[in-house]
Amino acid sequence: MADQIIAGQDAPPSHGAIASSDAADLLEKKLSQLQSLLKCCYGDGCDWFDAIGATHRDRVMWIAADLADDAAQLSQELLKQINAADMPKA
């Protein structure tokens, strides 16, 4: 049995409870994961991607889309936090 998470990352907190530094760190991790995943899917040396079949290719692209969606949500959260910090308190 595997007791360690392969990616070495803890599960993220709920999106409503993400602090600014946590959101920035999580965004960086999601973008790094997406970058690594996509590097496996194009260019020289990605023959395995073509060979895995349509179903698995679709699933890999689904993972990439989920990571991109997570990154977009995290960037919006960071923008909200930045804008809230920049607003003068009345």
PDB file of N, CA and C in Angstrom:
ATOM      1  N   MET A   1       0.836  -1.181   0.000  1.00  0.00           N
ATOM      2  CA  MET A   1       0.000   0.000   0.000  1.00  0.00           C
ATOM      3  C   MET A   1       0.882   1.245   0.000  1.00  0.00           C
ATOM      4  N   ALA A   2       0.476   2.211  -0.793  1.00  0.00           N
ATOM      5  CA  ALA A   2       1.216   3.470  -0.856  1.00  0.00           C
ATOM      6  C   ALA A   2       0.669   4.423   0.198  1.00  0.00           C
ATOM      7  N   ASP A   3       1.539   4.848   1.099  1.00  0.00           N
ATOM      8  CA  ASP A   3       1.131   5.790   2.133  1.00  0.00           C
ATOM      9  C   ASP A   3       1.505   7.218   1.772  1.00  0.00           C
ATOM     10  N   GLN A   4       2.330   7.389   0.759  1.00  0.00           N
ATOM     11  CA  GLN A   4       2.810   8.700   0.388  1.00  0.00           C
ATOM     12  C   GLN A   4       2.104   9.171  -0.877  1.00  0.00           C
ATOM     13  N   ILE A   5       1.752  10.443  -0.911  1.00  0.00           N
ATOM     14  CA  ILE A   5       1.167  11.026  -2.109  1.00  0.00           C
ATOM     15  C   ILE A   5       2.268  11.150  -3.145  1.00  0.00           C
ATOM     16  N   ILE A   6       2.012  10.670  -4.353  1.00  0.00           N
ATOM     17  CA  ILE A   6       3.039  10.640  -5.387  1.00  0.00           C
ATOM     18  C   ILE A   6       3.587  12.027  -5.664  1.00  0.00           C
ATOM     19  N   ALA A   7       2.721  13.018  -5.807  1.00  0.00           N
ATOM     20  CA  ALA A   7       3.172  14.373  -6.123  1.00  0.00           C
ATOM     21  C   ALA A   7       3.814  15.056  -4.924  1.00  0.00           C
ATOM     22  N   GLY A   8       3.665  14.468  -3.749  1.00  0.00           N
ATOM     23  CA  GLY A   8       4.286  15.043  -2.561  1.00  0.00           C
ATOM     24  C   GLY A   8       3.563  16.275  -2.034  1.00  0.00           C
ATOM     25  N   GLN A   9       2.346  16.486  -2.465  1.00  0.00           N
ATOM     26  CA  GLN A   9       1.610  17.667  -2.054  1.00  0.00           C
ATOM     27  C   GLN A   9       0.417  17.259  -1.198  1.00  0.00           C
ATOM     28  N   ASP A  10       0.108  18.093  -0.222  1.00  0.00           N
ATOM     29  CA  ASP A  10      -1.084  17.872   0.576  1.00  0.00           C
ATOM     30  C   ASP A  10      -2.296  18.286  -0.239  1.00  0.00           C
ATOM     31  N   ALA A  11      -3.445  17.780   0.143  1.00  0.00           N
ATOM     32  CA  ALA A  11      -4.678  18.203  -0.506  1.00  0.00           C
ATOM     33  C   ALA A  11      -4.897  19.687  -0.222  1.00  0.00           C
ATOM     34  N   PRO A  12      -5.339  20.445  -1.214  1.00  0.00           N
ATOM     35  CA  PRO A  12      -5.534  21.875  -0.989  1.00  0.00           C
ATOM     36  C   PRO A  12      -6.733  22.128  -0.092  1.00  0.00           C
ATOM     37  N   PRO A  13      -6.714  23.248   0.633  1.00  0.00           N
ATOM     38  CA  PRO A  13      -7.879  23.607   1.430  1.00  0.00           C
ATOM     39  C   PRO A  13      -9.014  24.018   0.507  1.00  0.00           C
ATOM     40  N   SER A  14     -10.223  24.152   1.063  1.00  0.00           N
ATOM     41  CA  SER A  14     -11.343  24.595   0.238  1.00  0.00           C
ATOM     42  C   SER A  14     -11.026  25.970  -0.336  1.00  0.00           C
ATOM     43  N   HIS A  15     -11.573  26.263  -1.518  1.00  0.00           N
ATOM     44  CA  HIS A  15     -11.250  27.519  -2.193  1.00  0.00           C
ATOM     45  C   HIS A  15     -11.651  28.742  -1.377  1.00  0.00           C
ATOM     46  N   GLY A  16     -12.666  28.623  -0.540  1.00  0.00           N
ATOM     47  CA  GLY A  16     -13.087  29.756   0.274  1.00  0.00           C
ATOM     48  C   GLY A  16     -12.114  30.075   1.395  1.00  0.00           C
ATOM     49  N   ALA A  17     -11.239  29.130   1.741  1.00  0.00           N
ATOM     50  CA  ALA A  17     -10.353  29.306   2.889  1.00  0.00           C
ATOM     51  C   ALA A  17      -8.890  29.462   2.491  1.00  0.00           C
ATOM     52  N   ILE A  18      -8.635  29.834   1.248  1.00  0.00           N
ATOM     53  CA  ILE A  18      -7.254  29.941   0.776  1.00  0.00           C
ATOM     54  C   ILE A  18      -6.700  31.325   1.101  1.00  0.00           C
ATOM     55  N   ALA A  19      -5.605  31.353   1.860  1.00  0.00           N
ATOM     56  CA  ALA A  19      -4.921  32.609   2.144  1.00  0.00           C
ATOM     57  C   ALA A  19      -4.129  33.027   0.907  1.00  0.00           C
ATOM     58  N   SER A  20      -3.744  34.283   0.861  1.00  0.00           N
ATOM     59  CA  SER A  20      -3.056  34.814  -0.313  1.00  0.00           C
ATOM     60  C   SER A  20      -1.775  34.043  -0.619  1.00  0.00           C
ATOM     61  N   SER A  21      -0.961  33.794   0.400  1.00  0.00           N
ATOM     62  CA  SER A  21       0.284  33.057   0.166  1.00  0.00           C
ATOM     63  C   SER A  21      -0.001  31.620  -0.233  1.00  0.00           C
ATOM     64  N   ASP A  22      -1.048  31.026   0.360  1.00  0.00           N
ATOM     65  CA  ASP A  22      -1.431  29.666  -0.009  1.00  0.00           C
ATOM     66  C   ASP A  22      -1.903  29.616  -1.458  1.00  0.00           C
ATOM     67  N   ALA A  23      -2.698  30.609  -1.865  1.00  0.00           N
ATOM     68  CA  ALA A  23      -3.199  30.650  -3.239  1.00  0.00           C
ATOM     69  C   ALA A  23      -2.047  30.805  -4.218  1.00  0.00           C
ATOM     70  N   ALA A  24      -1.087  31.636  -3.902  1.00  0.00           N
ATOM     71  CA  ALA A  24       0.062  31.831  -4.782  1.00  0.00           C
ATOM     72  C   ALA A  24       0.880  30.552  -4.888  1.00  0.00           C
ATOM     73  N   ASP A  25       1.120  29.895  -3.763  1.00  0.00           N
ATOM     74  CA  ASP A  25       1.874  28.643  -3.767  1.00  0.00           C
ATOM     75  C   ASP A  25       1.131  27.554  -4.539  1.00  0.00           C
ATOM     76  N   LEU A  26      -0.158  27.455  -4.292  1.00  0.00           N
ATOM     77  CA  LEU A  26      -0.965  26.444  -4.958  1.00  0.00           C
ATOM     78  C   LEU A  26      -1.044  26.710  -6.461  1.00  0.00           C
ATOM     79  N   LEU A  27      -1.160  27.981  -6.839  1.00  0.00           N
ATOM     80  CA  LEU A  27      -1.172  28.334  -8.259  1.00  0.00           C
ATOM     81  C   LEU A  27       0.139  27.930  -8.919  1.00  0.00           C
ATOM     82  N   GLU A  28       1.244  28.212  -8.263  1.00  0.00           N
ATOM     83  CA  GLU A  28       2.551  27.838  -8.809  1.00  0.00           C
ATOM     84  C   GLU A  28       2.660  26.321  -8.974  1.00  0.00           C
ATOM     85  N   LYS A  29       2.168  25.565  -8.005  1.00  0.00           N
ATOM     86  CA  LYS A  29       2.210  24.100  -8.076  1.00  0.00           C
ATOM     87  C   LYS A  29       1.336  23.576  -9.209  1.00  0.00           C
ATOM     88  N   LYS A  30       0.130  24.126  -9.329  1.00  0.00           N
ATOM     89  CA  LYS A  30      -0.777  23.687 -10.399  1.00  0.00           C
ATOM     90  C   LYS A  30      -0.183  23.981 -11.777  1.00  0.00           C
ATOM     91  N   LEU A  31       0.412  25.160 -11.939  1.00  0.00           N
ATOM     92  CA  LEU A  31       1.007  25.508 -13.225  1.00  0.00           C
ATOM     93  C   LEU A  31       2.226  24.641 -13.526  1.00  0.00           C
ATOM     94  N   SER A  32       3.001  24.295 -12.513  1.00  0.00           N
ATOM     95  CA  SER A  32       4.147  23.397 -12.713  1.00  0.00           C
ATOM     96  C   SER A  32       3.682  22.006 -13.132  1.00  0.00           C
ATOM     97  N   GLN A  33       2.617  21.526 -12.488  1.00  0.00           N
ATOM     98  CA  GLN A  33       2.067  20.224 -12.854  1.00  0.00           C
ATOM     99  C   GLN A  33       1.548  20.243 -14.285  1.00  0.00           C
ATOM    100  N   LEU A  34       0.840  21.294 -14.637  1.00  0.00           N
ATOM    101  CA  LEU A  34       0.297  21.413 -15.990  1.00  0.00           C
ATOM    102  C   LEU A  34       1.414  21.481 -17.020  1.00  0.00           C
ATOM    103  N   GLN A  35       2.436  22.258 -16.737  1.00  0.00           N
ATOM    104  CA  GLN A  35       3.571  22.369 -17.650  1.00  0.00           C
ATOM    105  C   GLN A  35       4.239  21.014 -17.866  1.00  0.00           C
ATOM    106  N   SER A  36       4.478  20.276 -16.798  1.00  0.00           N
ATOM    107  CA  SER A  36       5.110  18.960 -16.920  1.00  0.00           C
ATOM    108  C   SER A  36       4.232  17.986 -17.695  1.00  0.00           C
ATOM    109  N   LEU A  37       2.941  18.003 -17.407  1.00  0.00           N
ATOM    110  CA  LEU A  37       2.018  17.117 -18.110  1.00  0.00           C
ATOM    111  C   LEU A  37       2.010  17.412 -19.603  1.00  0.00           C
ATOM    112  N   LEU A  38       1.929  18.679 -19.961  1.00  0.00           N
ATOM    113  CA  LEU A  38       1.856  19.034 -21.370  1.00  0.00           C
ATOM    114  C   LEU A  38       3.164  18.769 -22.111  1.00  0.00           C
ATOM    115  N   LYS A  39       4.288  18.872 -21.418  1.00  0.00           N
ATOM    116  CA  LYS A  39       5.567  18.565 -22.058  1.00  0.00           C
ATOM    117  C   LYS A  39       5.652  17.096 -22.459  1.00  0.00           C
ATOM    118  N   CYS A  40       4.880  16.262 -21.805  1.00  0.00           N
ATOM    119  CA  CYS A  40       4.843  14.838 -22.149  1.00  0.00           C
ATOM    120  C   CYS A  40       3.951  14.566 -23.363  1.00  0.00           C
ATOM    121  N   CYS A  41       3.193  15.543 -23.783  1.00  0.00           N
ATOM    122  CA  CYS A  41       2.166  15.319 -24.800  1.00  0.00           C
ATOM    123  C   CYS A  41       2.496  15.888 -26.170  1.00  0.00           C
ATOM    124  N   TYR A  42       3.630  16.548 -26.320  1.00  0.00           N
ATOM    125  CA  TYR A  42       3.946  17.116 -27.627  1.00  0.00           C
ATOM    126  C   TYR A  42       5.454  17.089 -27.856  1.00  0.00           C
ATOM    127  N   GLY A  43       5.843  17.304 -29.103  1.00  0.00           N
ATOM    128  CA  GLY A  43       7.258  17.375 -29.450  1.00  0.00           C
ATOM    129  C   GLY A  43       7.887  16.003 -29.619  1.00  0.00           C
ATOM    130  N   ASP A  44       9.189  16.002 -29.785  1.00  0.00           N
ATOM    131  CA  ASP A  44       9.934  14.757 -29.952  1.00  0.00           C
ATOM    132  C   ASP A  44       9.886  13.934 -28.672  1.00  0.00           C
ATOM    133  N   GLY A  45       9.807  12.659 -28.826  1.00  0.00           N
ATOM    134  CA  GLY A  45       9.849  11.766 -27.677  1.00  0.00           C
ATOM    135  C   GLY A  45       8.506  11.517 -27.025  1.00  0.00           C
ATOM    136  N   CYS A  46       7.417  11.929 -27.665  1.00  0.00           N
ATOM    137  CA  CYS A  46       6.110  11.694 -27.043  1.00  0.00           C
ATOM    138  C   CYS A  46       5.351  10.609 -27.798  1.00  0.00           C
ATOM    139  N   ASP A  47       6.071   9.657 -28.348  1.00  0.00           N
ATOM    140  CA  ASP A  47       5.425   8.564 -29.076  1.00  0.00           C
ATOM    141  C   ASP A  47       4.434   7.806 -28.197  1.00  0.00           C
ATOM    142  N   TRP A  48       4.719   7.721 -26.906  1.00  0.00           N
ATOM    143  CA  TRP A  48       3.822   7.013 -26.002  1.00  0.00           C
ATOM    144  C   TRP A  48       2.440   7.651 -25.997  1.00  0.00           C
ATOM    145  N   PHE A  49       2.378   8.984 -26.149  1.00  0.00           N
ATOM    146  CA  PHE A  49       1.095   9.675 -26.119  1.00  0.00           C
ATOM    147  C   PHE A  49       0.227   9.246 -27.300  1.00  0.00           C
ATOM    148  N   ASP A  50       0.839   9.130 -28.451  1.00  0.00           N
ATOM    149  CA  ASP A  50       0.099   8.664 -29.627  1.00  0.00           C
ATOM    150  C   ASP A  50      -0.294   7.197 -29.476  1.00  0.00           C
ATOM    151  N   ALA A  51       0.550   6.426 -28.801  1.00  0.00           N
ATOM    152  CA  ALA A  51       0.338   4.980 -28.703  1.00  0.00           C
ATOM    153  C   ALA A  51      -0.673   4.571 -27.624  1.00  0.00           C
ATOM    154  N   ILE A  52      -1.009   5.467 -26.705  1.00  0.00           N
ATOM    155  CA  ILE A  52      -1.874   5.056 -25.595  1.00  0.00           C
ATOM    156  C   ILE A  52      -3.338   4.941 -25.982  1.00  0.00           C
ATOM    157  N   GLY A  53      -3.704   5.447 -27.120  1.00  0.00           N
ATOM    158  CA  GLY A  53      -5.085   5.316 -27.585  1.00  0.00           C
ATOM    159  C   GLY A  53      -5.935   6.530 -27.249  1.00  0.00           C
ATOM    160  N   ALA A  54      -7.032   6.633 -27.962  1.00  0.00           N
ATOM    161  CA  ALA A  54      -7.893   7.813 -27.857  1.00  0.00           C
ATOM    162  C   ALA A  54      -8.469   8.011 -26.461  1.00  0.00           C
ATOM    163  N   THR A  55      -8.892   6.934 -25.815  1.00  0.00           N
ATOM    164  CA  THR A  55      -9.500   7.059 -24.487  1.00  0.00           C
ATOM    165  C   THR A  55      -8.516   7.639 -23.484  1.00  0.00           C
ATOM    166  N   HIS A  56      -7.294   7.117 -23.474  1.00  0.00           N
ATOM    167  CA  HIS A  56      -6.292   7.615 -22.526  1.00  0.00           C
ATOM    168  C   HIS A  56      -5.828   9.017 -22.890  1.00  0.00           C
ATOM    169  N   ARG A  57      -5.721   9.320 -24.178  1.00  0.00           N
ATOM    170  CA  ARG A  57      -5.366  10.685 -24.585  1.00  0.00           C
ATOM    171  C   ARG A  57      -6.432  11.670 -24.099  1.00  0.00           C
ATOM    172  N   ASP A  58      -7.698  11.290 -24.241  1.00  0.00           N
ATOM    173  CA  ASP A  58      -8.775  12.150 -23.755  1.00  0.00           C
ATOM    174  C   ASP A  58      -8.671  12.373 -22.250  1.00  0.00           C
ATOM    175  N   ARG A  59      -8.340  11.328 -21.515  1.00  0.00           N
ATOM    176  CA  ARG A  59      -8.216  11.454 -20.056  1.00  0.00           C
ATOM    177  C   ARG A  59      -7.044  12.345 -19.664  1.00  0.00           C
ATOM    178  N   VAL A  60      -5.934  12.237 -20.389  1.00  0.00           N
ATOM    179  CA  VAL A  60      -4.783  13.101 -20.114  1.00  0.00           C
ATOM    180  C   VAL A  60      -5.159  14.557 -20.378  1.00  0.00           C
ATOM    181  N   MET A  61      -5.875  14.803 -21.460  1.00  0.00           N
ATOM    182  CA  MET A  61      -6.298  16.170 -21.770  1.00  0.00           C
ATOM    183  C   MET A  61      -7.328  16.664 -20.752  1.00  0.00           C
ATOM    184  N   TRP A  62      -8.128  15.763 -20.221  1.00  0.00           N
ATOM    185  CA  TRP A  62      -9.081  16.106 -19.167  1.00  0.00           C
ATOM    186  C   TRP A  62      -8.318  16.572 -17.921  1.00  0.00           C
ATOM    187  N   ILE A  63      -7.260  15.846 -17.568  1.00  0.00           N
ATOM    188  CA  ILE A  63      -6.425  16.248 -16.434  1.00  0.00           C
ATOM    189  C   ILE A  63      -5.844  17.634 -16.685  1.00  0.00           C
ATOM    190  N   ALA A  64      -5.333  17.864 -17.889  1.00  0.00           N
ATOM    191  CA  ALA A  64      -4.755  19.166 -18.230  1.00  0.00           C
ATOM    192  C   ALA A  64      -5.812  20.260 -18.121  1.00  0.00           C
ATOM    193  N   ALA A  65      -7.013  19.995 -18.604  1.00  0.00           N
ATOM    194  CA  ALA A  65      -8.091  20.981 -18.527  1.00  0.00           C
ATOM    195  C   ALA A  65      -8.459  21.272 -17.071  1.00  0.00           C
ATOM    196  N   ASP A  66      -8.506  20.241 -16.231  1.00  0.00           N
ATOM    197  CA  ASP A  66      -8.802  20.449 -14.814  1.00  0.00           C
ATOM    198  C   ASP A  66      -7.728  21.302 -14.140  1.00  0.00           C
ATOM    199  N   LEU A  67      -6.464  21.028 -14.453  1.00  0.00           N
ATOM    200  CA  LEU A  67      -5.379  21.829 -13.890  1.00  0.00           C
ATOM    201  C   LEU A  67      -5.466  23.276 -14.361  1.00  0.00           C
ATOM    202  N   ALA A  68      -5.780  23.485 -15.630  1.00  0.00           N
ATOM    203  CA  ALA A  68      -5.930  24.846 -16.155  1.00  0.00           C
ATOM    204  C   ALA A  68      -7.103  25.557 -15.479  1.00  0.00           C
ATOM    205  N   ASP A  69      -8.217  24.856 -15.276  1.00  0.00           N
ATOM    206  CA  ASP A  69      -9.359  25.445 -14.575  1.00  0.00           C
ATOM    207  C   ASP A  69      -8.997  25.815 -13.132  1.00  0.00           C
ATOM    208  N   ASP A  70      -8.287  24.915 -12.454  1.00  0.00           N
ATOM    209  CA  ASP A  70      -7.845  25.206 -11.082  1.00  0.00           C
ATOM    210  C   ASP A  70      -6.946  26.439 -11.060  1.00  0.00           C
ATOM    211  N   ALA A  71      -6.027  26.537 -12.008  1.00  0.00           N
ATOM    212  CA  ALA A  71      -5.120  27.683 -12.080  1.00  0.00           C
ATOM    213  C   ALA A  71      -5.893  28.964 -12.338  1.00  0.00           C
ATOM    214  N   ALA A  72      -6.885  28.911 -13.210  1.00  0.00           N
ATOM    215  CA  ALA A  72      -7.703  30.096 -13.493  1.00  0.00           C
ATOM    216  C   ALA A  72      -8.458  30.545 -12.242  1.00  0.00           C
ATOM    217  N   GLN A  73      -9.041  29.594 -11.501  1.00  0.00           N
ATOM    218  CA  GLN A  73      -9.764  29.931 -10.271  1.00  0.00           C
ATOM    219  C   GLN A  73      -8.819  30.527  -9.232  1.00  0.00           C
ATOM    220  N   LEU A  74      -7.632  29.942  -9.105  1.00  0.00           N
ATOM    221  CA  LEU A  74      -6.660  30.458  -8.136  1.00  0.00           C
ATOM    222  C   LEU A  74      -6.182  31.854  -8.525  1.00  0.00           C
ATOM    223  N   SER A  75      -5.993  32.101  -9.807  1.00  0.00           N
ATOM    224  CA  SER A  75      -5.555  33.437 -10.226  1.00  0.00           C
ATOM    225  C   SER A  75      -6.649  34.458  -9.944  1.00  0.00           C
ATOM    226  N   GLN A  76      -7.913  34.086 -10.137  1.00  0.00           N
ATOM    227  CA  GLN A  76      -9.017  34.992  -9.805  1.00  0.00           C
ATOM    228  C   GLN A  76      -9.065  35.264  -8.306  1.00  0.00           C
ATOM    229  N   GLU A  77      -8.832  34.240  -7.508  1.00  0.00           N
ATOM    230  CA  GLU A  77      -8.803  34.409  -6.051  1.00  0.00           C
ATOM    231  C   GLU A  77      -7.674  35.357  -5.651  1.00  0.00           C
ATOM    232  N   LEU A  78      -6.507  35.194  -6.255  1.00  0.00           N
ATOM    233  CA  LEU A  78      -5.388  36.086  -5.952  1.00  0.00           C
ATOM    234  C   LEU A  78      -5.700  37.520  -6.353  1.00  0.00           C
ATOM    235  N   LEU A  79      -6.321  37.710  -7.512  1.00  0.00           N
ATOM    236  CA  LEU A  79      -6.687  39.057  -7.949  1.00  0.00           C
ATOM    237  C   LEU A  79      -7.673  39.705  -6.977  1.00  0.00           C
ATOM    238  N   LYS A  80      -8.648  38.931  -6.496  1.00  0.00           N
ATOM    239  CA  LYS A  80      -9.597  39.455  -5.512  1.00  0.00           C
ATOM    240  C   LYS A  80      -8.870  39.880  -4.239  1.00  0.00           C
ATOM    241  N   GLN A  81      -7.936  39.038  -3.788  1.00  0.00           N
ATOM    242  CA  GLN A  81      -7.200  39.349  -2.561  1.00  0.00           C
ATOM    243  C   GLN A  81      -6.310  40.569  -2.746  1.00  0.00           C
ATOM    244  N   ILE A  82      -5.692  40.698  -3.908  1.00  0.00           N
ATOM    245  CA  ILE A  82      -4.841  41.855  -4.189  1.00  0.00           C
ATOM    246  C   ILE A  82      -5.684  43.120  -4.246  1.00  0.00           C
ATOM    247  N   ASN A  83      -6.814  43.042  -4.948  1.00  0.00           N
ATOM    248  CA  ASN A  83      -7.694  44.219  -5.040  1.00  0.00           C
ATOM    249  C   ASN A  83      -8.246  44.610  -3.677  1.00  0.00           C
ATOM    250  N   ALA A  84      -8.595  43.628  -2.853  1.00  0.00           N
ATOM    251  CA  ALA A  84      -9.101  43.917  -1.515  1.00  0.00           C
ATOM    252  C   ALA A  84      -8.019  44.563  -0.643  1.00  0.00           C
ATOM    253  N   ALA A  85      -6.783  44.148  -0.808  1.00  0.00           N
ATOM    254  CA  ALA A  85      -5.687  44.706  -0.029  1.00  0.00           C
ATOM    255  C   ALA A  85      -5.359  46.129  -0.472  1.00  0.00           C
ATOM    256  N   ASP A  86      -5.594  46.428  -1.753  1.00  0.00           N
ATOM    257  CA  ASP A  86      -5.296  47.743  -2.286  1.00  0.00           C
ATOM    258  C   ASP A  86      -6.383  48.778  -1.976  1.00  0.00           C
ATOM    259  N   MET A  87      -7.571  48.321  -1.621  1.00  0.00           N
ATOM    260  CA  MET A  87      -8.680  49.234  -1.342  1.00  0.00           C
ATOM    261  C   MET A  87      -8.456  49.932  -0.007  1.00  0.00           C
ATOM    262  N   PRO A  88      -8.643  51.250  -0.002  1.00  0.00           N
ATOM    263  CA  PRO A  88      -8.513  51.957   1.281  1.00  0.00           C
ATOM    264  C   PRO A  88      -9.668  51.590   2.212  1.00  0.00           C
ATOM    265  N   LYS A  89      -9.354  51.471   3.466  1.00  0.00           N
ATOM    266  CA  LYS A  89     -10.383  51.130   4.453  1.00  0.00           C
ATOM    267  C   LYS A  89     -11.083  52.402   4.894  1.00  0.00           C
ATOM    268  N   ALA A  90     -12.393  52.369   4.885  1.00  0.00           N
ATOM    269  CA  ALA A  90     -13.175  53.563   5.243  1.00  0.00           C
ATOM    270  C   ALA A  90     -13.641  53.501   6.662  1.00  0.00           C
TER     271      ALA A  90
END
